[in-house]
């Protein structure tokens, strides 16, 4: 359980079981439990998106890890979209925060890149945007 009070605490063990069904070891990638994704990163993810906590708790109460399948997850979307979104978002976020997973997919994290506004790419020089420039500005007035 997280440090939150019992009414807003997430059952980490149950979430880990569901996460392993959603993200099993496959195609050379580890399962969610192999990288301890939920246990390691749940507090961080909910720190960013605490609005997902209550729908996540609802999803954990509704889904039984013993009978849970990916097909059941698809059906759950129609049943409770908010809980489905919370569950899938939290599990994916925890998984992709794992340094092991990030290393295996070649994602080093956010990297600062410089941008030269005067450097034109080939497709600009080739005239791809010319019809847009010739058309001129267009827009719709925003509703009040």
N, C-alpha and C. Protein backbone atom coordinates (compact mmCIF):
# COMPACT_ATOMS: atom_id res chain seq x y z
N UNK A 1 0.84 -1.19 0.00
CA UNK A 1 0.00 0.00 0.00
C UNK A 1 0.88 1.25 0.00
N UNK A 2 0.36 2.30 -0.57
CA UNK A 2 1.09 3.55 -0.55
C UNK A 2 0.86 4.24 0.78
N UNK A 3 1.49 5.40 0.96
CA UNK A 3 1.40 6.12 2.22
C UNK A 3 0.05 6.80 2.41
N UNK A 4 -0.80 6.78 1.40
CA UNK A 4 -2.11 7.44 1.50
C UNK A 4 -2.98 6.72 2.52
N UNK A 5 -4.04 7.42 2.99
CA UNK A 5 -4.94 6.75 3.94
C UNK A 5 -5.64 5.58 3.26
N UNK A 6 -6.27 4.73 4.07
CA UNK A 6 -6.82 3.47 3.54
C UNK A 6 -7.89 3.66 2.48
N UNK A 7 -8.61 4.78 2.49
CA UNK A 7 -9.66 4.97 1.49
C UNK A 7 -9.10 5.37 0.13
N UNK A 8 -7.86 5.84 0.10
CA UNK A 8 -7.26 6.24 -1.18
C UNK A 8 -5.97 5.47 -1.46
N UNK A 9 -5.74 4.40 -0.72
CA UNK A 9 -4.54 3.59 -0.94
C UNK A 9 -4.77 2.60 -2.07
N UNK A 10 -3.75 2.42 -2.86
CA UNK A 10 -3.83 1.50 -4.00
C UNK A 10 -3.24 0.16 -3.58
N UNK A 11 -3.92 -0.91 -3.90
CA UNK A 11 -3.45 -2.26 -3.62
C UNK A 11 -2.37 -2.60 -4.65
N UNK A 12 -1.13 -2.39 -4.26
CA UNK A 12 0.00 -2.55 -5.18
C UNK A 12 0.12 -4.00 -5.67
N UNK A 13 -0.04 -4.95 -4.78
CA UNK A 13 0.09 -6.36 -5.18
C UNK A 13 -0.94 -6.73 -6.24
N UNK A 14 -2.16 -6.27 -6.05
CA UNK A 14 -3.23 -6.56 -7.02
C UNK A 14 -2.93 -5.87 -8.35
N UNK A 15 -2.47 -4.64 -8.30
CA UNK A 15 -2.13 -3.91 -9.51
C UNK A 15 -0.97 -4.59 -10.24
N UNK A 16 0.00 -5.10 -9.51
CA UNK A 16 1.11 -5.81 -10.14
C UNK A 16 0.62 -7.05 -10.89
N UNK A 17 -0.33 -7.77 -10.31
CA UNK A 17 -0.86 -8.96 -10.98
C UNK A 17 -1.57 -8.58 -12.28
N UNK A 18 -2.37 -7.52 -12.24
CA UNK A 18 -3.06 -7.07 -13.46
C UNK A 18 -2.05 -6.56 -14.48
N UNK A 19 -1.03 -5.86 -14.02
CA UNK A 19 -0.01 -5.32 -14.92
C UNK A 19 0.72 -6.43 -15.66
N UNK A 20 0.95 -7.56 -14.99
CA UNK A 20 1.62 -8.67 -15.66
C UNK A 20 0.77 -9.29 -16.77
N UNK A 21 -0.53 -9.23 -16.63
CA UNK A 21 -1.40 -9.71 -17.71
C UNK A 21 -1.36 -8.71 -18.87
N UNK A 22 -1.36 -7.44 -18.53
CA UNK A 22 -1.34 -6.39 -19.56
C UNK A 22 0.00 -6.30 -20.26
N UNK A 23 1.08 -6.50 -19.50
CA UNK A 23 2.43 -6.38 -20.05
C UNK A 23 3.26 -7.62 -19.67
N UNK A 24 2.97 -8.75 -20.31
CA UNK A 24 3.76 -9.96 -20.02
C UNK A 24 5.12 -9.88 -20.72
N UNK A 25 6.02 -10.71 -20.31
CA UNK A 25 7.30 -10.79 -21.01
C UNK A 25 7.04 -11.29 -22.43
N UNK A 26 7.53 -10.57 -23.41
CA UNK A 26 7.30 -10.96 -24.81
C UNK A 26 8.27 -10.21 -25.72
N UNK A 27 8.65 -10.85 -26.79
CA UNK A 27 9.49 -10.24 -27.82
C UNK A 27 10.76 -9.62 -27.24
N UNK A 28 11.34 -10.29 -26.26
CA UNK A 28 12.58 -9.80 -25.67
C UNK A 28 12.40 -8.73 -24.61
N UNK A 29 11.17 -8.32 -24.36
CA UNK A 29 10.90 -7.30 -23.34
C UNK A 29 10.47 -7.99 -22.04
N UNK A 30 10.86 -7.43 -20.90
CA UNK A 30 10.48 -8.03 -19.63
C UNK A 30 9.03 -7.74 -19.28
N UNK A 31 8.48 -8.54 -18.37
CA UNK A 31 7.13 -8.28 -17.88
C UNK A 31 7.19 -7.11 -16.90
N UNK A 32 6.03 -6.60 -16.56
CA UNK A 32 5.95 -5.49 -15.60
C UNK A 32 6.56 -5.89 -14.26
N UNK A 33 6.30 -7.13 -13.81
CA UNK A 33 6.82 -7.54 -12.51
C UNK A 33 8.33 -7.80 -12.55
N UNK A 34 8.86 -8.21 -13.69
CA UNK A 34 10.30 -8.45 -13.79
C UNK A 34 11.09 -7.18 -13.54
N UNK A 35 10.55 -6.04 -13.91
CA UNK A 35 11.25 -4.76 -13.69
C UNK A 35 10.69 -4.01 -12.48
N UNK A 36 9.80 -4.69 -11.73
CA UNK A 36 9.18 -4.10 -10.54
C UNK A 36 8.59 -2.72 -10.85
N UNK A 37 7.94 -2.62 -11.99
CA UNK A 37 7.44 -1.34 -12.48
C UNK A 37 6.46 -0.69 -11.52
N UNK A 38 5.44 -1.42 -11.10
CA UNK A 38 4.41 -0.84 -10.24
C UNK A 38 4.98 -0.49 -8.87
N UNK A 39 5.66 -1.43 -8.26
CA UNK A 39 6.20 -1.20 -6.92
C UNK A 39 7.18 -0.03 -6.90
N UNK A 40 7.96 0.11 -7.97
CA UNK A 40 8.98 1.14 -8.01
C UNK A 40 8.47 2.53 -8.39
N UNK A 41 7.45 2.59 -9.23
CA UNK A 41 7.10 3.87 -9.82
C UNK A 41 5.67 4.35 -9.58
N UNK A 42 4.84 3.57 -8.88
CA UNK A 42 3.45 3.96 -8.67
C UNK A 42 3.33 5.30 -7.95
N UNK A 43 4.07 5.48 -6.89
CA UNK A 43 3.97 6.74 -6.14
C UNK A 43 4.36 7.93 -7.00
N UNK A 44 5.36 7.75 -7.83
CA UNK A 44 5.80 8.82 -8.72
C UNK A 44 4.71 9.17 -9.73
N UNK A 45 4.12 8.14 -10.35
CA UNK A 45 3.07 8.37 -11.35
C UNK A 45 1.86 9.05 -10.71
N UNK A 46 1.43 8.54 -9.56
CA UNK A 46 0.28 9.16 -8.90
C UNK A 46 0.62 10.53 -8.33
N UNK A 47 1.88 10.80 -8.10
CA UNK A 47 2.30 12.15 -7.71
C UNK A 47 2.07 13.15 -8.83
N UNK A 48 2.24 12.68 -10.05
CA UNK A 48 1.98 13.54 -11.22
C UNK A 48 0.50 13.59 -11.54
N UNK A 49 -0.18 12.46 -11.40
CA UNK A 49 -1.58 12.34 -11.82
C UNK A 49 -2.42 11.75 -10.71
N UNK A 50 -2.57 12.47 -9.60
CA UNK A 50 -3.36 11.95 -8.50
C UNK A 50 -4.84 11.83 -8.87
N UNK A 51 -5.26 12.51 -9.93
CA UNK A 51 -6.65 12.39 -10.39
C UNK A 51 -6.96 10.97 -10.86
N UNK A 52 -5.94 10.16 -11.11
CA UNK A 52 -6.15 8.78 -11.54
C UNK A 52 -6.32 7.82 -10.37
N UNK A 53 -6.02 8.26 -9.16
CA UNK A 53 -6.03 7.37 -7.99
C UNK A 53 -7.40 6.71 -7.77
N UNK A 54 -8.46 7.50 -7.65
CA UNK A 54 -9.78 6.92 -7.34
C UNK A 54 -10.31 6.03 -8.46
N UNK A 55 -10.20 6.45 -9.75
CA UNK A 55 -10.64 5.51 -10.80
C UNK A 55 -9.78 4.24 -10.84
N UNK A 56 -8.50 4.36 -10.49
CA UNK A 56 -7.63 3.18 -10.44
C UNK A 56 -8.09 2.23 -9.34
N UNK A 57 -8.40 2.77 -8.19
CA UNK A 57 -8.90 1.95 -7.08
C UNK A 57 -10.19 1.25 -7.48
N UNK A 58 -11.03 1.97 -8.21
CA UNK A 58 -12.28 1.38 -8.70
C UNK A 58 -12.00 0.22 -9.65
N UNK A 59 -11.04 0.40 -10.55
CA UNK A 59 -10.68 -0.67 -11.49
C UNK A 59 -10.13 -1.89 -10.74
N UNK A 60 -9.30 -1.64 -9.73
CA UNK A 60 -8.73 -2.75 -8.96
C UNK A 60 -9.80 -3.53 -8.21
N UNK A 61 -10.83 -2.83 -7.77
CA UNK A 61 -11.93 -3.50 -7.07
C UNK A 61 -12.78 -4.32 -8.04
N UNK A 62 -12.88 -3.87 -9.28
CA UNK A 62 -13.77 -4.52 -10.25
C UNK A 62 -13.12 -5.70 -10.97
N UNK A 63 -11.81 -5.70 -11.10
CA UNK A 63 -11.13 -6.72 -11.90
C UNK A 63 -10.44 -7.74 -11.00
N UNK A 64 -10.70 -9.00 -11.25
CA UNK A 64 -10.11 -10.09 -10.47
C UNK A 64 -8.86 -10.60 -11.19
N UNK A 65 -7.69 -10.45 -10.58
CA UNK A 65 -6.45 -10.90 -11.24
C UNK A 65 -6.46 -12.38 -11.61
N UNK A 66 -7.20 -13.20 -10.87
CA UNK A 66 -7.23 -14.64 -11.15
C UNK A 66 -7.91 -14.96 -12.48
N UNK A 67 -8.85 -14.14 -12.90
CA UNK A 67 -9.59 -14.39 -14.14
C UNK A 67 -9.37 -13.30 -15.19
N UNK A 68 -8.52 -12.35 -14.89
CA UNK A 68 -8.31 -11.20 -15.77
C UNK A 68 -7.58 -11.62 -17.05
N UNK A 69 -8.06 -11.12 -18.18
CA UNK A 69 -7.42 -11.34 -19.47
C UNK A 69 -7.38 -10.03 -20.22
N UNK A 70 -6.59 -9.97 -21.26
CA UNK A 70 -6.54 -8.77 -22.10
C UNK A 70 -7.90 -8.54 -22.75
N UNK A 71 -8.59 -9.62 -23.10
CA UNK A 71 -9.93 -9.48 -23.68
C UNK A 71 -10.88 -8.85 -22.67
N UNK A 72 -10.75 -9.22 -21.41
CA UNK A 72 -11.58 -8.63 -20.35
C UNK A 72 -11.28 -7.14 -20.21
N UNK A 73 -10.02 -6.80 -20.42
CA UNK A 73 -9.64 -5.39 -20.36
C UNK A 73 -10.34 -4.60 -21.46
N UNK A 74 -10.39 -5.15 -22.65
CA UNK A 74 -11.08 -4.49 -23.76
C UNK A 74 -12.56 -4.29 -23.46
N UNK A 75 -13.18 -5.28 -22.86
CA UNK A 75 -14.59 -5.18 -22.49
C UNK A 75 -14.79 -4.16 -21.38
N UNK A 76 -13.81 -4.04 -20.50
CA UNK A 76 -13.91 -3.11 -19.39
C UNK A 76 -13.96 -1.66 -19.86
N UNK A 77 -13.37 -1.37 -21.01
CA UNK A 77 -13.41 -0.02 -21.58
C UNK A 77 -14.84 0.44 -21.76
N UNK A 78 -15.69 -0.41 -22.29
CA UNK A 78 -17.09 -0.06 -22.51
C UNK A 78 -17.84 0.07 -21.19
N UNK A 79 -17.42 -0.69 -20.19
CA UNK A 79 -18.10 -0.70 -18.90
C UNK A 79 -17.78 0.53 -18.06
N UNK A 80 -16.51 0.91 -18.00
CA UNK A 80 -16.10 2.05 -17.17
C UNK A 80 -14.86 2.70 -17.78
N UNK A 81 -15.09 3.66 -18.65
CA UNK A 81 -14.00 4.28 -19.39
C UNK A 81 -12.99 4.98 -18.47
N UNK A 82 -13.46 5.65 -17.44
CA UNK A 82 -12.55 6.36 -16.54
C UNK A 82 -11.62 5.39 -15.80
N UNK A 83 -12.18 4.30 -15.30
CA UNK A 83 -11.36 3.32 -14.58
C UNK A 83 -10.39 2.63 -15.54
N UNK A 84 -10.86 2.30 -16.74
CA UNK A 84 -10.01 1.71 -17.77
C UNK A 84 -8.83 2.63 -18.09
N UNK A 85 -9.14 3.90 -18.29
CA UNK A 85 -8.10 4.88 -18.62
C UNK A 85 -7.08 5.00 -17.49
N UNK A 86 -7.57 5.05 -16.26
CA UNK A 86 -6.66 5.14 -15.11
C UNK A 86 -5.76 3.91 -15.04
N UNK A 87 -6.33 2.74 -15.18
CA UNK A 87 -5.56 1.49 -15.09
C UNK A 87 -4.50 1.43 -16.19
N UNK A 88 -4.89 1.64 -17.42
CA UNK A 88 -3.95 1.51 -18.53
C UNK A 88 -2.89 2.61 -18.50
N UNK A 89 -3.27 3.80 -18.12
CA UNK A 89 -2.31 4.91 -18.05
C UNK A 89 -1.27 4.66 -16.96
N UNK A 90 -1.73 4.27 -15.79
CA UNK A 90 -0.81 4.04 -14.67
C UNK A 90 0.12 2.88 -14.96
N UNK A 91 -0.40 1.79 -15.46
CA UNK A 91 0.46 0.63 -15.75
C UNK A 91 1.50 0.98 -16.81
N UNK A 92 1.08 1.61 -17.88
CA UNK A 92 2.03 1.98 -18.95
C UNK A 92 3.07 2.97 -18.44
N UNK A 93 2.63 3.96 -17.68
CA UNK A 93 3.58 4.95 -17.16
C UNK A 93 4.61 4.31 -16.24
N UNK A 94 4.16 3.45 -15.35
CA UNK A 94 5.09 2.75 -14.45
C UNK A 94 6.08 1.92 -15.26
N UNK A 95 5.60 1.20 -16.24
CA UNK A 95 6.45 0.33 -17.04
C UNK A 95 7.52 1.12 -17.78
N UNK A 96 7.12 2.19 -18.42
CA UNK A 96 8.07 2.95 -19.24
C UNK A 96 8.95 3.89 -18.42
N UNK A 97 8.73 3.99 -17.14
CA UNK A 97 9.66 4.70 -16.27
C UNK A 97 10.83 3.80 -15.86
N UNK A 98 10.69 2.52 -16.03
CA UNK A 98 11.75 1.58 -15.65
C UNK A 98 12.99 1.81 -16.51
N UNK A 99 14.14 2.00 -15.88
CA UNK A 99 15.38 2.17 -16.65
C UNK A 99 15.69 0.96 -17.53
N UNK A 100 15.33 -0.22 -17.08
CA UNK A 100 15.56 -1.44 -17.88
C UNK A 100 14.77 -1.37 -19.18
N UNK A 101 13.50 -1.02 -19.08
CA UNK A 101 12.64 -0.92 -20.26
C UNK A 101 13.12 0.20 -21.18
N UNK A 102 13.41 1.34 -20.60
CA UNK A 102 13.87 2.47 -21.41
C UNK A 102 15.16 2.14 -22.14
N UNK A 103 16.05 1.42 -21.48
CA UNK A 103 17.30 1.02 -22.12
C UNK A 103 17.02 0.06 -23.28
N UNK A 104 16.11 -0.88 -23.07
CA UNK A 104 15.83 -1.87 -24.12
C UNK A 104 15.15 -1.26 -25.34
N UNK A 105 14.38 -0.20 -25.16
CA UNK A 105 13.74 0.41 -26.32
C UNK A 105 14.58 1.57 -26.89
N UNK A 106 15.72 1.84 -26.25
CA UNK A 106 16.61 2.88 -26.75
C UNK A 106 16.14 4.30 -26.45
N UNK A 107 15.40 4.48 -25.37
CA UNK A 107 14.91 5.81 -25.01
C UNK A 107 15.71 6.33 -23.82
N UNK A 108 16.55 7.32 -24.03
CA UNK A 108 17.38 7.82 -22.95
C UNK A 108 16.65 8.78 -22.01
N UNK A 109 15.43 9.12 -22.33
CA UNK A 109 14.71 10.14 -21.57
C UNK A 109 14.70 11.43 -22.36
N UNK A 110 14.17 12.45 -21.76
CA UNK A 110 14.11 13.72 -22.46
C UNK A 110 15.52 14.29 -22.60
N UNK A 111 15.82 14.73 -23.80
CA UNK A 111 17.13 15.28 -24.09
C UNK A 111 16.93 16.67 -24.68
N UNK A 112 17.65 17.63 -24.14
CA UNK A 112 17.54 19.00 -24.66
C UNK A 112 18.12 19.04 -26.07
N UNK A 113 17.38 19.64 -26.97
CA UNK A 113 17.85 19.78 -28.34
C UNK A 113 17.76 21.25 -28.72
N UNK A 114 18.76 21.71 -29.41
CA UNK A 114 18.73 23.10 -29.86
C UNK A 114 17.93 23.17 -31.15
N UNK A 115 17.38 24.32 -31.37
CA UNK A 115 16.57 24.53 -32.57
C UNK A 115 17.02 25.81 -33.23
N UNK A 116 17.33 25.72 -34.49
CA UNK A 116 17.72 26.89 -35.26
C UNK A 116 16.54 27.27 -36.15
N UNK A 117 15.84 28.36 -35.81
CA UNK A 117 14.66 28.73 -36.60
C UNK A 117 14.99 29.17 -38.02
N UNK A 118 16.27 29.38 -38.29
CA UNK A 118 16.65 29.81 -39.64
C UNK A 118 17.17 28.65 -40.49
N UNK A 119 17.22 27.48 -39.91
CA UNK A 119 17.64 26.30 -40.67
C UNK A 119 16.39 25.69 -41.30
N UNK A 120 16.33 25.66 -42.60
CA UNK A 120 15.16 25.14 -43.30
C UNK A 120 15.42 23.70 -43.72
N UNK A 121 14.40 22.93 -43.56
CA UNK A 121 14.54 21.55 -44.00
C UNK A 121 14.34 21.47 -45.51
N UNK A 122 14.74 20.36 -46.06
CA UNK A 122 14.65 20.15 -47.50
C UNK A 122 13.25 20.36 -48.05
N UNK A 123 12.25 19.84 -47.35
CA UNK A 123 10.88 19.91 -47.88
C UNK A 123 10.36 21.33 -47.91
N UNK A 124 10.88 22.21 -47.05
CA UNK A 124 10.48 23.62 -47.12
C UNK A 124 11.12 24.24 -48.35
N UNK A 125 12.40 23.96 -48.55
CA UNK A 125 13.10 24.50 -49.71
C UNK A 125 12.51 23.97 -51.01
N UNK A 126 11.95 22.74 -50.97
CA UNK A 126 11.36 22.15 -52.17
C UNK A 126 9.97 22.69 -52.46
N UNK A 127 9.44 23.56 -51.61
CA UNK A 127 8.17 24.20 -51.89
C UNK A 127 6.94 23.50 -51.35
N UNK A 128 7.10 22.57 -50.43
CA UNK A 128 5.96 21.84 -49.90
C UNK A 128 4.94 22.77 -49.24
N UNK A 129 5.41 23.84 -48.62
CA UNK A 129 4.50 24.76 -47.94
C UNK A 129 4.03 25.91 -48.82
N UNK A 130 4.50 26.00 -50.06
CA UNK A 130 4.12 27.11 -50.94
C UNK A 130 2.61 27.28 -51.09
N UNK A 131 1.82 26.22 -51.28
CA UNK A 131 0.37 26.41 -51.41
C UNK A 131 -0.26 27.02 -50.15
N UNK A 132 0.27 26.69 -49.01
CA UNK A 132 -0.25 27.23 -47.75
C UNK A 132 0.08 28.72 -47.66
N UNK A 133 1.29 29.07 -47.99
CA UNK A 133 1.71 30.47 -47.95
C UNK A 133 0.92 31.28 -48.97
N UNK A 134 0.73 30.76 -50.18
CA UNK A 134 -0.03 31.46 -51.21
C UNK A 134 -1.49 31.64 -50.82
N UNK A 135 -2.07 30.67 -50.14
CA UNK A 135 -3.46 30.74 -49.71
C UNK A 135 -3.66 31.88 -48.73
N UNK A 136 -2.68 32.13 -47.91
CA UNK A 136 -2.78 33.18 -46.90
C UNK A 136 -3.41 32.64 -45.63
N UNK A 137 -3.47 33.50 -44.61
CA UNK A 137 -3.99 33.04 -43.33
C UNK A 137 -5.49 32.79 -43.38
N UNK A 138 -5.90 31.72 -42.74
CA UNK A 138 -7.33 31.43 -42.59
C UNK A 138 -7.56 30.98 -41.16
N UNK A 139 -8.68 31.29 -40.62
CA UNK A 139 -9.04 30.85 -39.28
C UNK A 139 -10.51 31.09 -39.05
N UNK A 140 -11.00 30.46 -38.03
CA UNK A 140 -12.38 30.67 -37.64
C UNK A 140 -12.38 31.46 -36.33
N UNK A 141 -13.35 32.32 -36.19
CA UNK A 141 -13.45 33.07 -34.95
C UNK A 141 -13.82 32.09 -33.82
N UNK A 142 -13.10 32.21 -32.72
CA UNK A 142 -13.36 31.34 -31.58
C UNK A 142 -14.71 31.68 -30.96
N UNK A 143 -15.45 30.67 -30.54
CA UNK A 143 -16.74 30.97 -29.88
C UNK A 143 -16.50 31.70 -28.57
N UNK A 144 -17.45 32.50 -28.21
CA UNK A 144 -17.28 33.31 -26.99
C UNK A 144 -17.67 32.53 -25.75
